[in-house]
Amino acid sequence: LLAEVAAYYKKQGKTLYDGLQTIFETYGYYAEKTISVTMSGQEGSAKISALMEKFREEAPTEFAGAKVIQTEDFKELTRTDREGNVEKLTTPPSDVLKYTLEENGWIAIRPSGTEPKIKFYIGVKGNSSEDAAEKVAAYEAIIKKMTEE
């Protein structure tokens, strides 16, 4: 498949890299990152549970200046928009929270099922690869601060 794409761009006098840049310019630059925070022992397990409960009960309204526009709680099977309208989810229940942010960003949080960790997943869309990387770094800094409190 990649060879076909390369041949397509070659016919246009472009390289595969040129084609990729055109795609980025058209659709944006996306970046994702997973952050795992280890919290060992009974104290760690209690802290993970407390963090999940805090995120669930005191849902953030913004991360690094990006407003939360929707919260999905896959344990409670609810989707709540910023006006407070609640919709029922039809997925199987799971201890996962997902915050959809302005500018096509999102952050998901869940405890690991196999290790003493809480995991954060970050997804962003930027105007450039540098912009996307800066957004990831900003969210990562906020998450680090939240887990150290």
Protein backbone atom coordinates (compact mmCIF):
# COMPACT_ATOMS: atom_id res chain seq x y z
CA LEU A 1 0.00 0.00 0.00
CA LEU A 2 2.81 2.39 0.87
CA ALA A 3 4.43 1.69 -2.50
CA GLU A 4 1.17 2.68 -4.22
CA VAL A 5 1.05 5.95 -2.29
CA ALA A 6 4.69 6.67 -3.15
CA ALA A 7 3.98 5.95 -6.83
CA TYR A 8 0.95 8.26 -6.72
CA TYR A 9 3.04 11.15 -5.42
CA LYS A 10 5.93 10.38 -7.79
CA LYS A 11 3.55 10.83 -10.74
CA GLN A 12 2.82 14.30 -9.34
CA GLY A 13 6.52 15.09 -9.08
CA LYS A 14 6.45 14.83 -5.30
CA THR A 15 8.15 12.62 -2.75
CA LEU A 16 6.34 10.56 -0.17
CA TYR A 17 7.52 13.12 2.41
CA ASP A 18 5.98 15.95 0.33
CA GLY A 19 2.70 14.04 0.27
CA LEU A 20 2.80 13.53 4.01
CA GLN A 21 3.37 17.26 4.55
CA THR A 22 0.36 18.01 2.33
CA ILE A 23 -1.77 15.70 4.47
CA PHE A 24 -0.56 17.41 7.66
CA GLU A 25 -1.24 20.86 6.20
CA THR A 26 -4.75 19.76 5.22
CA TYR A 27 -5.78 17.82 8.33
CA GLY A 28 -3.44 19.06 11.07
CA TYR A 29 -0.63 17.63 13.12
CA TYR A 30 -1.70 15.02 15.67
CA ALA A 31 0.32 13.74 18.62
CA GLU A 32 -0.43 11.25 21.37
CA LYS A 33 1.35 10.21 24.53
CA THR A 34 0.79 7.73 27.33
CA ILE A 35 1.91 8.60 30.84
CA SER A 36 2.08 5.83 33.45
CA VAL A 37 2.49 6.82 37.09
CA THR A 38 3.53 3.97 39.41
CA MET A 39 2.06 3.98 42.91
CA SER A 40 3.18 0.83 44.72
CA GLY A 41 1.78 -0.96 47.73
CA GLN A 42 -1.48 -0.56 49.60
CA GLU A 43 -0.88 3.17 49.92
CA GLY A 44 -0.37 3.42 46.16
CA SER A 45 -3.51 1.44 45.44
CA ALA A 46 -5.49 3.71 47.75
CA LYS A 47 -4.01 6.80 46.07
CA ILE A 48 -4.95 5.50 42.60
CA SER A 49 -8.52 4.89 43.77
CA ALA A 50 -8.63 8.34 45.39
CA LEU A 51 -7.34 10.01 42.21
CA MET A 52 -9.95 8.27 40.07
CA GLU A 53 -12.66 9.27 42.54
CA LYS A 54 -11.40 12.87 42.62
CA PHE A 55 -11.37 13.10 38.81
CA ARG A 56 -14.85 11.57 38.77
CA GLU A 57 -16.38 13.74 41.52
CA GLU A 58 -14.48 16.98 40.85
CA ALA A 59 -14.19 16.83 37.09
CA PRO A 60 -11.70 19.38 35.76
CA THR A 61 -13.13 22.19 33.66
CA GLU A 62 -9.83 22.76 31.85
CA PHE A 63 -6.35 21.33 31.30
CA ALA A 64 -3.52 23.81 30.65
CA GLY A 65 -6.00 26.44 29.50
CA ALA A 66 -7.96 24.14 27.15
CA LYS A 67 -11.59 23.96 28.27
CA VAL A 68 -13.24 20.58 28.79
CA ILE A 69 -16.21 20.41 26.43
CA GLN A 70 -17.33 16.87 27.28
CA THR A 71 -16.68 14.27 29.98
CA GLU A 72 -17.25 10.56 29.43
CA ASP A 73 -17.39 8.28 32.46
CA PHE A 74 -17.26 4.69 31.26
CA LYS A 75 -17.82 3.33 34.78
CA GLU A 76 -21.04 5.30 35.29
CA LEU A 77 -21.83 5.07 31.53
CA THR A 78 -22.48 8.79 31.15
CA ARG A 79 -21.44 11.52 28.75
CA THR A 80 -21.79 15.05 30.12
CA ASP A 81 -21.33 18.21 28.06
CA ARG A 82 -20.15 21.53 29.49
CA GLU A 83 -23.75 22.73 29.93
CA GLY A 84 -24.43 19.75 32.20
CA ASN A 85 -26.55 17.75 29.74
CA VAL A 86 -26.14 14.03 30.44
CA GLU A 87 -26.43 11.25 27.90
CA LYS A 88 -26.28 7.50 28.59
CA LEU A 89 -23.42 5.50 27.04
CA THR A 90 -24.10 2.02 25.69
CA THR A 91 -20.57 0.61 25.97
CA PRO A 92 -19.54 -2.06 28.49
CA PRO A 93 -18.60 -0.45 31.83
CA SER A 94 -14.93 0.21 32.56
CA ASP A 95 -13.09 2.39 35.08
CA VAL A 96 -12.11 5.00 32.49
CA LEU A 97 -12.67 8.75 32.31
CA LYS A 98 -12.24 10.71 29.09
CA TYR A 99 -12.19 14.48 28.82
CA THR A 100 -12.70 15.98 25.37
CA LEU A 101 -11.01 19.36 25.09
CA GLU A 102 -11.28 22.34 22.80
CA GLU A 103 -9.21 22.27 19.62
CA ASN A 104 -9.65 18.49 19.13
CA GLY A 105 -7.67 17.45 22.20
CA TRP A 106 -8.52 14.78 24.75
CA ILE A 107 -7.22 13.17 27.94
CA ALA A 108 -8.25 9.72 29.18
CA ILE A 109 -7.48 8.31 32.63
CA ARG A 110 -7.66 4.77 33.94
CA PRO A 111 -6.05 2.58 36.57
CA SER A 112 -3.91 -0.25 35.19
CA GLY A 113 -5.52 -3.64 35.52
CA THR A 114 -2.20 -5.48 35.88
CA GLU A 115 0.24 -3.08 37.55
CA PRO A 116 0.16 -0.54 40.41
CA LYS A 117 -0.18 2.36 37.98
CA ILE A 118 -2.60 5.03 36.92
CA LYS A 119 -2.42 5.77 33.20
CA PHE A 120 -3.09 8.99 31.35
CA TYR A 121 -3.55 9.09 27.59
CA ILE A 122 -3.16 12.41 25.80
CA GLY A 123 -4.28 13.25 22.27
CA VAL A 124 -3.84 16.65 20.61
CA LYS A 125 -4.15 18.38 17.27
CA GLY A 126 -1.75 21.20 16.48
CA ASN A 127 -1.14 23.68 13.68
CA SER A 128 2.41 22.32 13.36
CA SER A 129 4.37 19.41 14.78
CA GLU A 130 5.95 21.86 17.25
CA ASP A 131 2.52 23.14 18.32
CA ALA A 132 1.28 19.57 18.89
CA ALA A 133 4.41 18.72 20.91
CA GLU A 134 3.97 21.87 23.03
CA LYS A 135 0.36 20.94 23.80
CA VAL A 136 1.37 17.42 24.84
CA ALA A 137 4.11 18.86 27.09
CA ALA A 138 1.66 21.31 28.70
CA TYR A 139 -0.86 18.55 29.45
CA GLU A 140 1.92 16.30 30.73
CA ALA A 141 3.07 19.02 33.16
CA ILE A 142 -0.48 19.46 34.49
CA ILE A 143 -0.90 15.70 34.92
CA LYS A 144 2.42 15.47 36.77
CA LYS A 145 1.31 18.26 39.12
CA MET A 146 -2.09 16.61 39.71
CA THR A 147 -0.55 13.23 40.58
CA GLU A 148 2.01 14.72 42.98
CA GLU A 149 -0.57 16.53 45.14
